[in-house]
N, C-alpha and C. Protein backbone atom coordinates (compact mmCIF):
# COMPACT_ATOMS: atom_id res chain seq x y z
N MET A 1 -122.19 139.67 -66.84
CA MET A 1 -121.28 138.56 -66.60
C MET A 1 -122.05 137.28 -66.27
N THR A 2 -123.11 137.43 -65.50
CA THR A 2 -123.92 136.27 -65.14
C THR A 2 -124.57 135.66 -66.36
N LEU A 3 -125.00 136.53 -67.29
CA LEU A 3 -125.63 136.05 -68.52
C LEU A 3 -124.64 135.21 -69.34
N ILE A 4 -123.40 135.65 -69.41
CA ILE A 4 -122.38 134.91 -70.18
C ILE A 4 -122.12 133.55 -69.55
N ILE A 5 -122.03 133.51 -68.22
CA ILE A 5 -121.79 132.24 -67.54
C ILE A 5 -122.97 131.29 -67.74
N ALA A 6 -124.19 131.80 -67.64
CA ALA A 6 -125.38 130.98 -67.86
C ALA A 6 -125.42 130.48 -69.29
N TRP A 7 -125.11 131.35 -70.25
CA TRP A 7 -125.11 131.00 -71.68
C TRP A 7 -124.13 129.85 -71.93
N LEU A 8 -122.91 129.98 -71.40
CA LEU A 8 -121.90 128.95 -71.60
C LEU A 8 -122.26 127.65 -70.87
N GLY A 9 -122.84 127.78 -69.68
CA GLY A 9 -123.28 126.59 -68.95
C GLY A 9 -124.35 125.81 -69.69
N LEU A 10 -125.32 126.54 -70.26
CA LEU A 10 -126.37 125.89 -71.04
C LEU A 10 -125.80 125.27 -72.32
N ALA A 11 -124.80 125.94 -72.91
CA ALA A 11 -124.16 125.39 -74.11
C ALA A 11 -123.43 124.09 -73.78
N VAL A 12 -122.83 124.00 -72.60
CA VAL A 12 -122.18 122.76 -72.17
C VAL A 12 -123.23 121.65 -72.01
N LEU A 13 -124.38 122.00 -71.43
CA LEU A 13 -125.45 121.00 -71.29
C LEU A 13 -125.95 120.51 -72.65
N ILE A 14 -126.08 121.42 -73.60
CA ILE A 14 -126.50 121.04 -74.95
C ILE A 14 -125.46 120.12 -75.58
N SER A 15 -124.18 120.44 -75.40
CA SER A 15 -123.13 119.59 -75.99
C SER A 15 -123.15 118.20 -75.35
N TRP A 16 -123.40 118.10 -74.06
CA TRP A 16 -123.50 116.81 -73.40
C TRP A 16 -124.69 116.01 -73.94
N ALA A 17 -125.83 116.68 -74.09
CA ALA A 17 -127.03 116.01 -74.63
C ALA A 17 -126.78 115.55 -76.07
N ALA A 18 -126.08 116.37 -76.85
CA ALA A 18 -125.78 115.99 -78.23
C ALA A 18 -124.90 114.75 -78.28
N GLN A 19 -123.91 114.68 -77.41
CA GLN A 19 -123.03 113.52 -77.38
C GLN A 19 -123.81 112.27 -76.97
N SER A 20 -124.75 112.41 -76.06
CA SER A 20 -125.54 111.25 -75.64
C SER A 20 -126.48 110.77 -76.75
N ARG A 21 -126.71 111.62 -77.76
CA ARG A 21 -127.56 111.24 -78.90
C ARG A 21 -126.72 110.88 -80.13
N GLY A 22 -125.42 110.68 -79.94
CA GLY A 22 -124.56 110.22 -81.03
C GLY A 22 -124.08 111.32 -81.95
N ARG A 23 -124.06 112.54 -81.47
CA ARG A 23 -123.63 113.68 -82.30
C ARG A 23 -122.33 114.27 -81.75
N ASP A 24 -121.69 115.11 -82.54
CA ASP A 24 -120.40 115.67 -82.16
C ASP A 24 -120.57 116.74 -81.08
N ARG A 25 -119.88 116.54 -79.97
CA ARG A 25 -120.03 117.44 -78.81
C ARG A 25 -119.48 118.84 -79.09
N VAL A 26 -118.33 118.94 -79.73
CA VAL A 26 -117.70 120.24 -79.98
C VAL A 26 -118.53 121.10 -80.93
N ASN A 27 -119.02 120.50 -82.00
CA ASN A 27 -119.83 121.26 -82.96
C ASN A 27 -121.11 121.77 -82.32
N TRP A 28 -121.76 120.94 -81.51
CA TRP A 28 -123.01 121.38 -80.88
C TRP A 28 -122.75 122.43 -79.81
N PHE A 29 -121.60 122.37 -79.13
CA PHE A 29 -121.26 123.43 -78.18
C PHE A 29 -121.09 124.75 -78.92
N ALA A 30 -120.34 124.72 -80.03
CA ALA A 30 -120.13 125.95 -80.81
C ALA A 30 -121.46 126.48 -81.35
N PHE A 31 -122.31 125.59 -81.82
CA PHE A 31 -123.61 126.00 -82.33
C PHE A 31 -124.45 126.64 -81.23
N ALA A 32 -124.43 126.05 -80.04
CA ALA A 32 -125.21 126.60 -78.92
C ALA A 32 -124.67 127.96 -78.47
N VAL A 33 -123.36 128.14 -78.51
CA VAL A 33 -122.78 129.43 -78.11
C VAL A 33 -123.11 130.51 -79.12
N VAL A 34 -123.00 130.19 -80.40
CA VAL A 34 -123.21 131.20 -81.44
C VAL A 34 -124.70 131.48 -81.65
N ALA A 35 -125.50 130.45 -81.81
CA ALA A 35 -126.93 130.66 -82.09
C ALA A 35 -127.66 131.01 -80.80
N SER A 36 -127.79 130.07 -79.93
CA SER A 36 -128.31 130.22 -78.57
C SER A 36 -128.58 128.82 -78.06
N PRO A 37 -128.46 128.61 -76.76
CA PRO A 37 -128.74 127.29 -76.23
C PRO A 37 -130.19 126.86 -76.48
N LEU A 38 -131.12 127.80 -76.49
CA LEU A 38 -132.52 127.46 -76.74
C LEU A 38 -132.71 126.94 -78.17
N VAL A 39 -132.16 127.65 -79.14
CA VAL A 39 -132.28 127.22 -80.54
C VAL A 39 -131.58 125.87 -80.74
N ALA A 40 -130.39 125.71 -80.15
CA ALA A 40 -129.66 124.46 -80.29
C ALA A 40 -130.41 123.31 -79.62
N GLY A 41 -131.02 123.58 -78.47
CA GLY A 41 -131.79 122.54 -77.79
C GLY A 41 -133.00 122.11 -78.58
N ILE A 42 -133.68 123.06 -79.19
CA ILE A 42 -134.85 122.73 -80.02
C ILE A 42 -134.42 121.93 -81.24
N ALA A 43 -133.34 122.37 -81.89
CA ALA A 43 -132.84 121.65 -83.08
C ALA A 43 -132.42 120.23 -82.70
N LEU A 44 -131.75 120.08 -81.56
CA LEU A 44 -131.31 118.75 -81.12
C LEU A 44 -132.50 117.86 -80.81
N ALA A 45 -133.53 118.42 -80.21
CA ALA A 45 -134.72 117.63 -79.86
C ALA A 45 -135.47 117.19 -81.11
N LEU A 46 -135.43 117.97 -82.17
CA LEU A 46 -136.15 117.62 -83.39
C LEU A 46 -135.43 116.57 -84.24
N LEU A 47 -134.14 116.43 -84.04
CA LEU A 47 -133.36 115.48 -84.83
C LEU A 47 -133.41 114.09 -84.19
N PRO A 48 -133.36 113.03 -85.01
CA PRO A 48 -133.41 111.68 -84.45
C PRO A 48 -132.12 111.32 -83.71
N ASP A 49 -132.23 110.39 -82.81
CA ASP A 49 -131.09 109.88 -82.05
C ASP A 49 -130.26 108.98 -82.97
N LEU A 50 -129.05 109.40 -83.29
CA LEU A 50 -128.21 108.66 -84.24
C LEU A 50 -127.78 107.31 -83.69
N ARG A 51 -127.63 107.20 -82.39
CA ARG A 51 -127.24 105.91 -81.82
C ARG A 51 -128.34 104.88 -82.05
N ARG A 52 -129.59 105.30 -81.90
CA ARG A 52 -130.71 104.38 -82.11
C ARG A 52 -130.81 104.00 -83.59
N VAL A 53 -130.63 104.96 -84.47
CA VAL A 53 -130.71 104.68 -85.91
C VAL A 53 -129.60 103.73 -86.33
N ASP A 54 -128.37 103.95 -85.83
CA ASP A 54 -127.26 103.06 -86.17
C ASP A 54 -127.49 101.66 -85.61
N MET A 55 -128.05 101.57 -84.41
CA MET A 55 -128.33 100.27 -83.82
C MET A 55 -129.38 99.52 -84.65
N GLN A 56 -130.41 100.21 -85.10
CA GLN A 56 -131.43 99.58 -85.93
C GLN A 56 -130.83 99.10 -87.25
N HIS A 57 -129.94 99.89 -87.82
CA HIS A 57 -129.28 99.51 -89.07
C HIS A 57 -128.43 98.25 -88.87
N ARG A 58 -127.67 98.21 -87.77
CA ARG A 58 -126.85 97.02 -87.49
C ARG A 58 -127.72 95.78 -87.28
N GLN A 59 -128.83 95.94 -86.56
CA GLN A 59 -129.73 94.80 -86.34
C GLN A 59 -130.30 94.30 -87.66
N HIS A 60 -130.63 95.23 -88.55
CA HIS A 60 -131.16 94.86 -89.86
C HIS A 60 -130.11 94.08 -90.65
N GLU A 61 -128.87 94.55 -90.63
CA GLU A 61 -127.79 93.87 -91.35
C GLU A 61 -127.53 92.48 -90.76
N GLU A 62 -127.57 92.35 -89.43
CA GLU A 62 -127.36 91.05 -88.80
C GLU A 62 -128.48 90.08 -89.17
N LEU A 63 -129.70 90.58 -89.22
CA LEU A 63 -130.83 89.73 -89.60
C LEU A 63 -130.69 89.24 -91.04
N LEU A 64 -130.30 90.15 -91.94
CA LEU A 64 -130.09 89.74 -93.33
C LEU A 64 -128.97 88.71 -93.44
N ALA A 65 -127.89 88.91 -92.69
CA ALA A 65 -126.77 87.95 -92.72
C ALA A 65 -127.21 86.58 -92.20
N ALA A 66 -128.03 86.58 -91.14
CA ALA A 66 -128.52 85.31 -90.59
C ALA A 66 -129.43 84.61 -91.60
N LEU A 67 -130.26 85.36 -92.28
CA LEU A 67 -131.15 84.76 -93.28
C LEU A 67 -130.35 84.20 -94.45
N ARG A 68 -129.32 84.90 -94.86
CA ARG A 68 -128.49 84.42 -95.97
C ARG A 68 -127.78 83.12 -95.59
N SER A 69 -127.26 83.06 -94.38
CA SER A 69 -126.51 81.88 -93.97
C SER A 69 -127.43 80.68 -93.72
N ARG A 70 -128.66 80.94 -93.30
CA ARG A 70 -129.59 79.85 -93.02
C ARG A 70 -130.06 79.16 -94.29
N ASP A 71 -130.46 79.94 -95.28
CA ASP A 71 -131.01 79.37 -96.51
C ASP A 71 -129.96 79.16 -97.59
N GLY A 72 -128.87 79.84 -97.49
CA GLY A 72 -127.88 79.75 -98.53
C GLY A 72 -128.15 80.70 -99.68
N ALA A 73 -129.38 81.16 -99.80
CA ALA A 73 -129.74 82.12 -100.85
C ALA A 73 -130.06 83.46 -100.20
N ALA A 74 -129.72 84.50 -100.87
CA ALA A 74 -129.98 85.83 -100.34
C ALA A 74 -131.47 86.16 -100.41
N PRO A 75 -132.02 86.69 -99.33
CA PRO A 75 -133.43 87.11 -99.38
C PRO A 75 -133.59 88.34 -100.28
N ILE A 76 -134.78 88.55 -100.71
CA ILE A 76 -135.05 89.72 -101.56
C ILE A 76 -135.00 90.97 -100.70
N GLU A 77 -134.18 91.92 -101.13
CA GLU A 77 -134.08 93.17 -100.39
C GLU A 77 -134.90 94.23 -101.11
N LEU A 78 -135.76 94.88 -100.37
CA LEU A 78 -136.57 95.93 -100.98
C LEU A 78 -135.76 97.20 -101.18
N SER A 79 -134.83 97.42 -100.29
CA SER A 79 -134.02 98.62 -100.40
C SER A 79 -132.64 98.34 -99.81
N SER A 80 -131.62 98.81 -100.47
CA SER A 80 -130.28 98.64 -99.94
C SER A 80 -129.82 99.88 -99.19
N ARG A 81 -130.67 100.90 -99.15
CA ARG A 81 -130.30 102.13 -98.45
C ARG A 81 -130.49 101.97 -96.95
N ARG A 82 -129.87 102.90 -96.21
CA ARG A 82 -130.06 102.94 -94.76
C ARG A 82 -131.48 103.40 -94.47
N PRO A 83 -131.93 103.32 -93.22
CA PRO A 83 -133.28 103.77 -92.89
C PRO A 83 -133.52 105.22 -93.30
N VAL A 84 -134.76 105.54 -93.60
CA VAL A 84 -135.12 106.87 -94.10
C VAL A 84 -134.68 107.96 -93.16
N THR A 85 -134.81 107.74 -91.85
CA THR A 85 -134.42 108.78 -90.90
C THR A 85 -132.94 109.12 -91.02
N SER A 86 -132.11 108.13 -91.28
CA SER A 86 -130.68 108.38 -91.37
C SER A 86 -130.33 109.17 -92.63
N THR A 87 -130.88 108.79 -93.77
CA THR A 87 -130.55 109.52 -94.99
C THR A 87 -131.18 110.91 -94.97
N ALA A 88 -132.37 111.04 -94.41
CA ALA A 88 -133.00 112.36 -94.34
C ALA A 88 -132.20 113.28 -93.43
N THR A 89 -131.71 112.76 -92.33
CA THR A 89 -130.94 113.57 -91.39
C THR A 89 -129.65 114.04 -92.05
N GLY A 90 -129.03 113.18 -92.82
CA GLY A 90 -127.79 113.55 -93.46
C GLY A 90 -127.95 114.74 -94.40
N TYR A 91 -129.14 114.92 -94.99
CA TYR A 91 -129.35 116.04 -95.90
C TYR A 91 -129.96 117.25 -95.21
N PHE A 92 -130.99 117.04 -94.39
CA PHE A 92 -131.71 118.16 -93.83
C PHE A 92 -131.06 118.79 -92.61
N MET A 93 -130.24 118.06 -91.87
CA MET A 93 -129.63 118.63 -90.68
C MET A 93 -128.76 119.85 -90.98
N PRO A 94 -127.86 119.81 -91.94
CA PRO A 94 -127.05 121.00 -92.18
C PRO A 94 -127.89 122.21 -92.58
N VAL A 95 -128.95 122.02 -93.34
CA VAL A 95 -129.79 123.14 -93.75
C VAL A 95 -130.48 123.73 -92.53
N ALA A 96 -131.04 122.87 -91.68
CA ALA A 96 -131.72 123.35 -90.48
C ALA A 96 -130.74 124.06 -89.55
N MET A 97 -129.55 123.51 -89.43
CA MET A 97 -128.57 124.15 -88.55
C MET A 97 -128.13 125.49 -89.10
N ARG A 98 -127.99 125.60 -90.41
CA ARG A 98 -127.60 126.90 -90.98
C ARG A 98 -128.66 127.95 -90.72
N TRP A 99 -129.93 127.58 -90.90
CA TRP A 99 -131.01 128.54 -90.64
C TRP A 99 -131.07 128.92 -89.16
N ALA A 100 -130.92 127.93 -88.29
CA ALA A 100 -130.95 128.22 -86.86
C ALA A 100 -129.77 129.11 -86.46
N LEU A 101 -128.61 128.86 -87.04
CA LEU A 101 -127.44 129.69 -86.78
C LEU A 101 -127.68 131.12 -87.26
N PHE A 102 -128.23 131.27 -88.45
CA PHE A 102 -128.51 132.59 -88.99
C PHE A 102 -129.51 133.35 -88.12
N ILE A 103 -130.59 132.69 -87.74
CA ILE A 103 -131.62 133.35 -86.92
C ILE A 103 -131.05 133.70 -85.55
N GLY A 104 -130.29 132.78 -84.96
CA GLY A 104 -129.67 133.07 -83.67
C GLY A 104 -128.69 134.22 -83.74
N ALA A 105 -127.91 134.28 -84.83
CA ALA A 105 -126.96 135.37 -84.99
C ALA A 105 -127.67 136.71 -85.15
N VAL A 106 -128.74 136.74 -85.91
CA VAL A 106 -129.49 137.98 -86.10
C VAL A 106 -130.09 138.43 -84.78
N LEU A 107 -130.69 137.51 -84.04
CA LEU A 107 -131.27 137.87 -82.74
C LEU A 107 -130.19 138.31 -81.76
N GLY A 108 -129.06 137.61 -81.76
CA GLY A 108 -127.95 137.98 -80.87
C GLY A 108 -127.39 139.34 -81.21
N LEU A 109 -127.22 139.64 -82.50
CA LEU A 109 -126.71 140.95 -82.90
C LEU A 109 -127.69 142.06 -82.55
N GLY A 110 -128.98 141.77 -82.70
CA GLY A 110 -129.99 142.76 -82.31
C GLY A 110 -129.96 143.04 -80.83
N TYR A 111 -129.76 141.98 -80.02
CA TYR A 111 -129.68 142.16 -78.57
C TYR A 111 -128.44 142.98 -78.20
N ILE A 112 -127.31 142.65 -78.83
CA ILE A 112 -126.07 143.39 -78.54
C ILE A 112 -126.22 144.85 -78.98
N ALA A 113 -126.79 145.08 -80.15
CA ALA A 113 -126.96 146.46 -80.63
C ALA A 113 -127.86 147.25 -79.70
N SER A 114 -128.93 146.65 -79.21
CA SER A 114 -129.81 147.40 -78.32
C SER A 114 -129.14 147.64 -76.97
N ALA A 115 -128.30 146.70 -76.52
CA ALA A 115 -127.59 146.90 -75.25
C ALA A 115 -126.54 147.99 -75.37
N VAL A 116 -125.86 148.05 -76.51
CA VAL A 116 -124.82 149.07 -76.72
C VAL A 116 -125.42 150.46 -76.85
N THR A 117 -126.52 150.56 -77.60
CA THR A 117 -127.12 151.87 -77.81
C THR A 117 -128.00 152.31 -76.65
N GLY A 118 -128.28 151.37 -75.73
CA GLY A 118 -129.11 151.72 -74.59
C GLY A 118 -130.58 151.73 -74.91
N GLY A 119 -130.95 151.21 -76.07
CA GLY A 119 -132.35 151.17 -76.48
C GLY A 119 -133.11 150.09 -75.72
N GLY A 120 -134.40 150.22 -75.72
CA GLY A 120 -135.21 149.24 -74.98
C GLY A 120 -135.99 148.46 -75.89
């Protein structure tokens, strides 16, 4: 019973940390409960802070708008895409989360099976 309470408590902490980094709190709580709070914490630490990436993108757009209004002509843009970290996160995060969920589920099922059978 203590293990379950600790597991859920750590999952709540992971969900709070995820929300502070601009991510969905409910999804990260579910991920931490199913995979493990340790796996979810490591995955969260490896991913960029979305609030910082969005703020950098907004600052970039404001700078471009200021340059356009000052000169009247649009400056040359090297890339119209969002920062690399944002586009990379959009593709790689679901793959990493699926693998972490799979590994956490396998480890969790192994732990439950050994507890049920009494194996060590």
